[in-house]
PDB file of N, CA and C in Angstrom:
ATOM      1  N   UNK A   1       0.822  -1.183   0.000  1.00  0.00           N
ATOM      2  CA  UNK A   1       0.000   0.000   0.000  1.00  0.00           C
ATOM      3  C   UNK A   1       0.872   1.255   0.000  1.00  0.00           C
ATOM      4  N   UNK A   2       1.994   1.189   0.717  1.00  0.00           N
ATOM      5  CA  UNK A   2       2.885   2.344   0.786  1.00  0.00           C
ATOM      6  C   UNK A   2       3.479   2.655  -0.587  1.00  0.00           C
ATOM      7  N   UNK A   3       3.838   1.630  -1.316  1.00  0.00           N
ATOM      8  CA  UNK A   3       4.408   1.832  -2.653  1.00  0.00           C
ATOM      9  C   UNK A   3       3.352   2.398  -3.598  1.00  0.00           C
ATOM     10  N   UNK A   4       2.132   1.869  -3.502  1.00  0.00           N
ATOM     11  CA  UNK A   4       1.033   2.364  -4.341  1.00  0.00           C
ATOM     12  C   UNK A   4       0.771   3.839  -4.071  1.00  0.00           C
ATOM     13  N   UNK A   5       0.720   4.221  -2.787  1.00  0.00           N
ATOM     14  CA  UNK A   5       0.493   5.622  -2.444  1.00  0.00           C
ATOM     15  C   UNK A   5       1.630   6.514  -2.928  1.00  0.00           C
ATOM     16  N   UNK A   6       2.840   6.016  -2.828  1.00  0.00           N
ATOM     17  CA  UNK A   6       3.994   6.794  -3.281  1.00  0.00           C
ATOM     18  C   UNK A   6       3.951   7.014  -4.802  1.00  0.00           C
ATOM     19  N   UNK A   7       3.665   5.965  -5.529  1.00  0.00           N
ATOM     20  CA  UNK A   7       3.578   6.076  -6.998  1.00  0.00           C
ATOM     21  C   UNK A   7       2.434   7.003  -7.400  1.00  0.00           C
ATOM     22  N   UNK A   8       1.274   6.851  -6.745  1.00  0.00           N
ATOM     23  CA  UNK A   8       0.124   7.699  -7.057  1.00  0.00           C
ATOM     24  C   UNK A   8       0.413   9.161  -6.759  1.00  0.00           C
ATOM     25  N   UNK A   9       1.048   9.427  -5.626  1.00  0.00           N
ATOM     26  CA  UNK A   9       1.357  10.812  -5.254  1.00  0.00           C
ATOM     27  C   UNK A   9       2.293  11.458  -6.265  1.00  0.00           C
ATOM     28  N   UNK A  10       3.378  10.792  -6.585  1.00  0.00           N
ATOM     29  CA  UNK A  10       4.359  11.407  -7.486  1.00  0.00           C
ATOM     30  C   UNK A  10       3.835  11.515  -8.915  1.00  0.00           C
ATOM     31  N   UNK A  11       2.985  10.594  -9.337  1.00  0.00           N
ATOM     32  CA  UNK A  11       2.415  10.729 -10.677  1.00  0.00           C
ATOM     33  C   UNK A  11       1.445  11.913 -10.735  1.00  0.00           C
ATOM     34  N   UNK A  12       0.644  12.109  -9.696  1.00  0.00           N
ATOM     35  CA  UNK A  12      -0.272  13.251  -9.688  1.00  0.00           C
ATOM     36  C   UNK A  12       0.478  14.575  -9.573  1.00  0.00           C
ATOM     37  N   UNK A  13       1.546  14.592  -8.804  1.00  0.00           N
ATOM     38  CA  UNK A  13       2.358  15.804  -8.708  1.00  0.00           C
ATOM     39  C   UNK A  13       3.032  16.099 -10.048  1.00  0.00           C
ATOM     40  N   UNK A  14       3.464  15.058 -10.759  1.00  0.00           N
ATOM     41  CA  UNK A  14       4.083  15.284 -12.063  1.00  0.00           C
ATOM     42  C   UNK A  14       3.061  15.788 -13.084  1.00  0.00           C
ATOM     43  N   UNK A  15       1.810  15.279 -13.024  1.00  0.00           N
ATOM     44  CA  UNK A  15       0.760  15.807 -13.894  1.00  0.00           C
ATOM     45  C   UNK A  15       0.505  17.282 -13.595  1.00  0.00           C
ATOM     46  N   UNK A  16       0.488  17.627 -12.324  1.00  0.00           N
ATOM     47  CA  UNK A  16       0.281  19.011 -11.931  1.00  0.00           C
ATOM     48  C   UNK A  16       1.419  19.899 -12.432  1.00  0.00           C
ATOM     49  N   UNK A  17       2.644  19.443 -12.258  1.00  0.00           N
ATOM     50  CA  UNK A  17       3.800  20.225 -12.704  1.00  0.00           C
ATOM     51  C   UNK A  17       3.812  20.370 -14.227  1.00  0.00           C
ATOM     52  N   UNK A  18       3.471  19.301 -14.925  1.00  0.00           N
ATOM     53  CA  UNK A  18       3.432  19.369 -16.388  1.00  0.00           C
ATOM     54  C   UNK A  18       2.332  20.324 -16.857  1.00  0.00           C
ATOM     55  N   UNK A  19       1.183  20.297 -16.179  1.00  0.00           N
ATOM     56  CA  UNK A  19       0.111  21.229 -16.518  1.00  0.00           C
ATOM     57  C   UNK A  19       0.514  22.668 -16.271  1.00  0.00           C
ATOM     58  N   UNK A  20       1.223  22.914 -15.172  1.00  0.00           N
ATOM     59  CA  UNK A  20       1.704  24.270 -14.900  1.00  0.00           C
ATOM     60  C   UNK A  20       2.756  24.703 -15.908  1.00  0.00           C
ATOM     61  N   UNK A  21       3.591  23.762 -16.335  1.00  0.00           N
ATOM     62  CA  UNK A  21       4.591  24.072 -17.361  1.00  0.00           C
ATOM     63  C   UNK A  21       3.919  24.431 -18.684  1.00  0.00           C
ATOM     64  N   UNK A  22       2.924  23.643 -19.071  1.00  0.00           N
ATOM     65  CA  UNK A  22       2.217  23.932 -20.321  1.00  0.00           C
ATOM     66  C   UNK A  22       1.468  25.257 -20.242  1.00  0.00           C
ATOM     67  N   UNK A  23       0.941  25.570 -19.074  1.00  0.00           N
ATOM     68  CA  UNK A  23       0.232  26.846 -18.926  1.00  0.00           C
ATOM     69  C   UNK A  23       1.199  28.014 -19.044  1.00  0.00           C
ATOM     70  N   UNK A  24       2.392  27.848 -18.519  1.00  0.00           N
ATOM     71  CA  UNK A  24       3.405  28.902 -18.612  1.00  0.00           C
ATOM     72  C   UNK A  24       3.852  29.096 -20.057  1.00  0.00           C
ATOM     73  N   UNK A  25       3.940  28.011 -20.805  1.00  0.00           N
ATOM     74  CA  UNK A  25       4.306  28.103 -22.214  1.00  0.00           C
ATOM     75  C   UNK A  25       3.196  28.773 -23.031  1.00  0.00           C
ATOM     76  N   UNK A  26       1.952  28.515 -22.647  1.00  0.00           N
ATOM     77  CA  UNK A  26       0.825  29.130 -23.337  1.00  0.00           C
ATOM     78  C   UNK A  26       0.509  28.510 -24.671  1.00  0.00           C
ATOM     79  N   UNK A  27       1.028  27.325 -24.934  1.00  0.00           N
ATOM     80  CA  UNK A  27       0.810  26.708 -26.233  1.00  0.00           C
ATOM     81  C   UNK A  27      -0.341  25.712 -26.241  1.00  0.00           C
ATOM     82  N   UNK A  28      -0.683  25.203 -25.083  1.00  0.00           N
ATOM     83  CA  UNK A  28      -1.663  24.130 -25.051  1.00  0.00           C
ATOM     84  C   UNK A  28      -2.880  24.522 -24.224  1.00  0.00           C
ATOM     85  N   UNK A  29      -4.045  24.097 -24.692  1.00  0.00           N
ATOM     86  CA  UNK A  29      -5.288  24.355 -23.970  1.00  0.00           C
ATOM     87  C   UNK A  29      -5.581  23.238 -22.968  1.00  0.00           C
ATOM     88  N   UNK A  30      -4.826  22.159 -23.046  1.00  0.00           N
ATOM     89  CA  UNK A  30      -5.049  21.031 -22.156  1.00  0.00           C
ATOM     90  C   UNK A  30      -4.434  21.263 -20.772  1.00  0.00           C
ATOM     91  N   UNK A  31      -3.669  22.315 -20.606  1.00  0.00           N
ATOM     92  CA  UNK A  31      -2.973  22.557 -19.343  1.00  0.00           C
ATOM     93  C   UNK A  31      -3.947  22.748 -18.185  1.00  0.00           C
ATOM     94  N   UNK A  32      -5.027  23.484 -18.402  1.00  0.00           N
ATOM     95  CA  UNK A  32      -5.991  23.708 -17.334  1.00  0.00           C
ATOM     96  C   UNK A  32      -6.709  22.416 -16.965  1.00  0.00           C
ATOM     97  N   UNK A  33      -6.927  21.556 -17.929  1.00  0.00           N
ATOM     98  CA  UNK A  33      -7.550  20.258 -17.639  1.00  0.00           C
ATOM     99  C   UNK A  33      -6.613  19.372 -16.829  1.00  0.00           C
ATOM    100  N   UNK A  34      -5.331  19.385 -17.168  1.00  0.00           N
ATOM    101  CA  UNK A  34      -4.364  18.603 -16.399  1.00  0.00           C
ATOM    102  C   UNK A  34      -4.268  19.098 -14.961  1.00  0.00           C
ATOM    103  N   UNK A  35      -4.236  20.397 -14.775  1.00  0.00           N
ATOM    104  CA  UNK A  35      -4.157  20.959 -13.432  1.00  0.00           C
ATOM    105  C   UNK A  35      -5.412  20.605 -12.641  1.00  0.00           C
ATOM    106  N   UNK A  36      -6.555  20.803 -13.217  1.00  0.00           N
ATOM    107  CA  UNK A  36      -7.812  20.496 -12.533  1.00  0.00           C
ATOM    108  C   UNK A  36      -7.967  19.029 -12.225  1.00  0.00           C
ATOM    109  N   UNK A  37      -7.611  18.183 -13.177  1.00  0.00           N
ATOM    110  CA  UNK A  37      -7.711  16.738 -12.993  1.00  0.00           C
ATOM    111  C   UNK A  37      -6.786  16.268 -11.880  1.00  0.00           C
ATOM    112  N   UNK A  38      -5.568  16.787 -11.845  1.00  0.00           N
ATOM    113  CA  UNK A  38      -4.619  16.353 -10.821  1.00  0.00           C
ATOM    114  C   UNK A  38      -5.036  16.847  -9.437  1.00  0.00           C
ATOM    115  N   UNK A  39      -5.537  18.070  -9.329  1.00  0.00           N
ATOM    116  CA  UNK A  39      -6.002  18.574  -8.031  1.00  0.00           C
ATOM    117  C   UNK A  39      -7.229  17.801  -7.577  1.00  0.00           C
ATOM    118  N   UNK A  40      -8.131  17.504  -8.490  1.00  0.00           N
ATOM    119  CA  UNK A  40      -9.326  16.717  -8.162  1.00  0.00           C
ATOM    120  C   UNK A  40      -8.945  15.331  -7.645  1.00  0.00           C
ATOM    121  N   UNK A  41      -8.031  14.670  -8.332  1.00  0.00           N
ATOM    122  CA  UNK A  41      -7.631  13.328  -7.894  1.00  0.00           C
ATOM    123  C   UNK A  41      -6.831  13.357  -6.597  1.00  0.00           C
ATOM    124  N   UNK A  42      -6.029  14.395  -6.403  1.00  0.00           N
ATOM    125  CA  UNK A  42      -5.306  14.514  -5.138  1.00  0.00           C
ATOM    126  C   UNK A  42      -6.266  14.661  -3.966  1.00  0.00           C
ATOM    127  N   UNK A  43      -7.311  15.442  -4.156  1.00  0.00           N
ATOM    128  CA  UNK A  43      -8.205  15.704  -3.037  1.00  0.00           C
ATOM    129  C   UNK A  43      -9.259  14.622  -2.837  1.00  0.00           C
ATOM    130  N   UNK A  44      -9.749  14.004  -3.883  1.00  0.00           N
ATOM    131  CA  UNK A  44     -10.835  13.049  -3.739  1.00  0.00           C
ATOM    132  C   UNK A  44     -10.434  11.590  -3.907  1.00  0.00           C
ATOM    133  N   UNK A  45      -9.224  11.308  -4.306  1.00  0.00           N
ATOM    134  CA  UNK A  45      -8.769   9.931  -4.424  1.00  0.00           C
ATOM    135  C   UNK A  45      -7.594   9.671  -3.494  1.00  0.00           C
ATOM    136  N   UNK A  46      -6.558  10.479  -3.621  1.00  0.00           N
ATOM    137  CA  UNK A  46      -5.338  10.233  -2.841  1.00  0.00           C
ATOM    138  C   UNK A  46      -5.541  10.485  -1.353  1.00  0.00           C
ATOM    139  N   UNK A  47      -6.151  11.606  -0.999  1.00  0.00           N
ATOM    140  CA  UNK A  47      -6.294  11.970   0.410  1.00  0.00           C
ATOM    141  C   UNK A  47      -7.094  10.943   1.210  1.00  0.00           C
ATOM    142  N   UNK A  48      -8.268  10.471   0.757  1.00  0.00           N
ATOM    143  CA  UNK A  48      -8.970   9.453   1.545  1.00  0.00           C
ATOM    144  C   UNK A  48      -8.204   8.129   1.665  1.00  0.00           C
ATOM    145  N   UNK A  49      -7.542   7.719   0.608  1.00  0.00           N
ATOM    146  CA  UNK A  49      -6.763   6.481   0.676  1.00  0.00           C
ATOM    147  C   UNK A  49      -5.600   6.649   1.644  1.00  0.00           C
ATOM    148  N   UNK A  50      -4.938   7.799   1.605  1.00  0.00           N
ATOM    149  CA  UNK A  50      -3.831   8.066   2.507  1.00  0.00           C
ATOM    150  C   UNK A  50      -4.291   8.093   3.961  1.00  0.00           C
ATOM    151  N   UNK A  51      -5.398   8.775   4.242  1.00  0.00           N
ATOM    152  CA  UNK A  51      -5.901   8.835   5.610  1.00  0.00           C
ATOM    153  C   UNK A  51      -6.331   7.469   6.113  1.00  0.00           C
ATOM    154  N   UNK A  52      -6.951   6.679   5.271  1.00  0.00           N
ATOM    155  CA  UNK A  52      -7.324   5.319   5.668  1.00  0.00           C
ATOM    156  C   UNK A  52      -6.087   4.494   5.993  1.00  0.00           C
ATOM    157  N   UNK A  53      -5.079   4.615   5.174  1.00  0.00           N
ATOM    158  CA  UNK A  53      -3.845   3.854   5.381  1.00  0.00           C
ATOM    159  C   UNK A  53      -3.148   4.267   6.674  1.00  0.00           C
ATOM    160  N   UNK A  54      -3.113   5.561   6.975  1.00  0.00           N
ATOM    161  CA  UNK A  54      -2.403   6.054   8.155  1.00  0.00           C
ATOM    162  C   UNK A  54      -3.130   5.735   9.454  1.00  0.00           C
ATOM    163  N   UNK A  55      -4.454   5.786   9.462  1.00  0.00           N
ATOM    164  CA  UNK A  55      -5.203   5.619  10.702  1.00  0.00           C
ATOM    165  C   UNK A  55      -5.821   4.242  10.863  1.00  0.00           C
ATOM    166  N   UNK A  56      -5.539   3.334   9.987  1.00  0.00           N
ATOM    167  CA  UNK A  56      -6.080   1.983  10.080  1.00  0.00           C
ATOM    168  C   UNK A  56      -5.481   1.286  11.302  1.00  0.00           C
ATOM    169  N   UNK A  57      -6.341   0.818  12.190  1.00  0.00           N
ATOM    170  CA  UNK A  57      -5.896   0.058  13.351  1.00  0.00           C
ATOM    171  C   UNK A  57      -5.406   0.892  14.516  1.00  0.00           C
ATOM    172  N   UNK A  58      -5.594   2.194  14.495  1.00  0.00           N
ATOM    173  CA  UNK A  58      -5.150   3.051  15.599  1.00  0.00           C
ATOM    174  C   UNK A  58      -6.331   3.414  16.484  1.00  0.00           C
ATOM    175  N   UNK A  59      -6.032   3.668  17.751  1.00  0.00           N
ATOM    176  CA  UNK A  59      -7.048   4.073  18.712  1.00  0.00           C
ATOM    177  C   UNK A  59      -7.239   5.581  18.609  1.00  0.00           C
ATOM    178  N   UNK A  60      -8.331   5.986  18.001  1.00  0.00           N
ATOM    179  CA  UNK A  60      -8.576   7.410  17.774  1.00  0.00           C
ATOM    180  C   UNK A  60      -9.229   8.082  18.983  1.00  0.00           C
ATOM    181  N   UNK A  61      -9.566   7.314  20.004  1.00  0.00           N
ATOM    182  CA  UNK A  61     -10.177   7.923  21.179  1.00  0.00           C
ATOM    183  C   UNK A  61      -9.177   8.785  21.947  1.00  0.00           C
ATOM    184  N   UNK A  62      -7.900   8.604  21.733  1.00  0.00           N
ATOM    185  CA  UNK A  62      -6.891   9.448  22.382  1.00  0.00           C
ATOM    186  C   UNK A  62      -6.952  10.882  21.873  1.00  0.00           C
ATOM    187  N   UNK A  63      -7.405  11.062  20.675  1.00  0.00           N
ATOM    188  CA  UNK A  63      -7.389  12.371  20.035  1.00  0.00           C
ATOM    189  C   UNK A  63      -8.719  13.104  20.102  1.00  0.00           C
ATOM    190  N   UNK A  64      -9.712  12.512  20.767  1.00  0.00           N
ATOM    191  CA  UNK A  64     -11.034  13.126  20.884  1.00  0.00           C
ATOM    192  C   UNK A  64     -11.081  13.952  22.161  1.00  0.00           C
ATOM    193  N   UNK A  65     -11.552  15.176  22.056  1.00  0.00           N
ATOM    194  CA  UNK A  65     -11.693  16.044  23.211  1.00  0.00           C
ATOM    195  C   UNK A  65     -12.893  15.597  24.021  1.00  0.00           C
ATOM    196  N   UNK A  66     -12.677  15.250  25.295  1.00  0.00           N
ATOM    197  CA  UNK A  66     -13.735  14.727  26.145  1.00  0.00           C
ATOM    198  C   UNK A  66     -13.939  15.672  27.327  1.00  0.00           C
ATOM    199  N   UNK A  67     -15.154  16.142  27.500  1.00  0.00           N
ATOM    200  CA  UNK A  67     -15.452  17.063  28.584  1.00  0.00           C
ATOM    201  C   UNK A  67     -15.376  16.381  29.958  1.00  0.00           C
ATOM    202  N   UNK A  68     -15.639  15.080  30.018  1.00  0.00           N
ATOM    203  CA  UNK A  68     -15.575  14.359  31.288  1.00  0.00           C
ATOM    204  C   UNK A  68     -14.158  14.355  31.846  1.00  0.00           C
ATOM    205  N   UNK A  69     -13.181  14.170  30.991  1.00  0.00           N
ATOM    206  CA  UNK A  69     -11.793  14.198  31.433  1.00  0.00           C
ATOM    207  C   UNK A  69     -11.389  15.597  31.861  1.00  0.00           C
ATOM    208  N   UNK A  70     -11.957  16.601  31.220  1.00  0.00           N
ATOM    209  CA  UNK A  70     -11.642  17.987  31.562  1.00  0.00           C
ATOM    210  C   UNK A  70     -12.233  18.361  32.928  1.00  0.00           C
ATOM    211  N   UNK A  71     -13.411  17.869  33.253  1.00  0.00           N
ATOM    212  CA  UNK A  71     -14.075  18.184  34.516  1.00  0.00           C
ATOM    213  C   UNK A  71     -13.379  17.518  35.706  1.00  0.00           C
ATOM    214  N   UNK A  72     -12.739  16.391  35.483  1.00  0.00           N
ATOM    215  CA  UNK A  72     -12.070  15.680  36.571  1.00  0.00           C
ATOM    216  C   UNK A  72     -10.889  16.456  37.115  1.00  0.00           C
ATOM    217  N   UNK A  73     -10.253  17.251  36.293  1.00  0.00           N
ATOM    218  CA  UNK A  73      -9.053  17.987  36.724  1.00  0.00           C
ATOM    219  C   UNK A  73      -9.389  19.179  37.497  1.00  0.00           C
TER     220      UNK A  73
END
């Protein structure tokens, strides 16, 4: 899973960089589509998979703010 996430991240970053390069050149109309597609996939595909991978099997109750624990002090 770590290798898959690494490959996916760097490929999306390379698409973003290539889209920005094409936009700077001003020769291609596909640059805005590449930028939008890469940002869309980073936010709606990569981020949920990454968060699932990082927090799988961890106790998340340590990170929840609990008023009962605050009142005891």
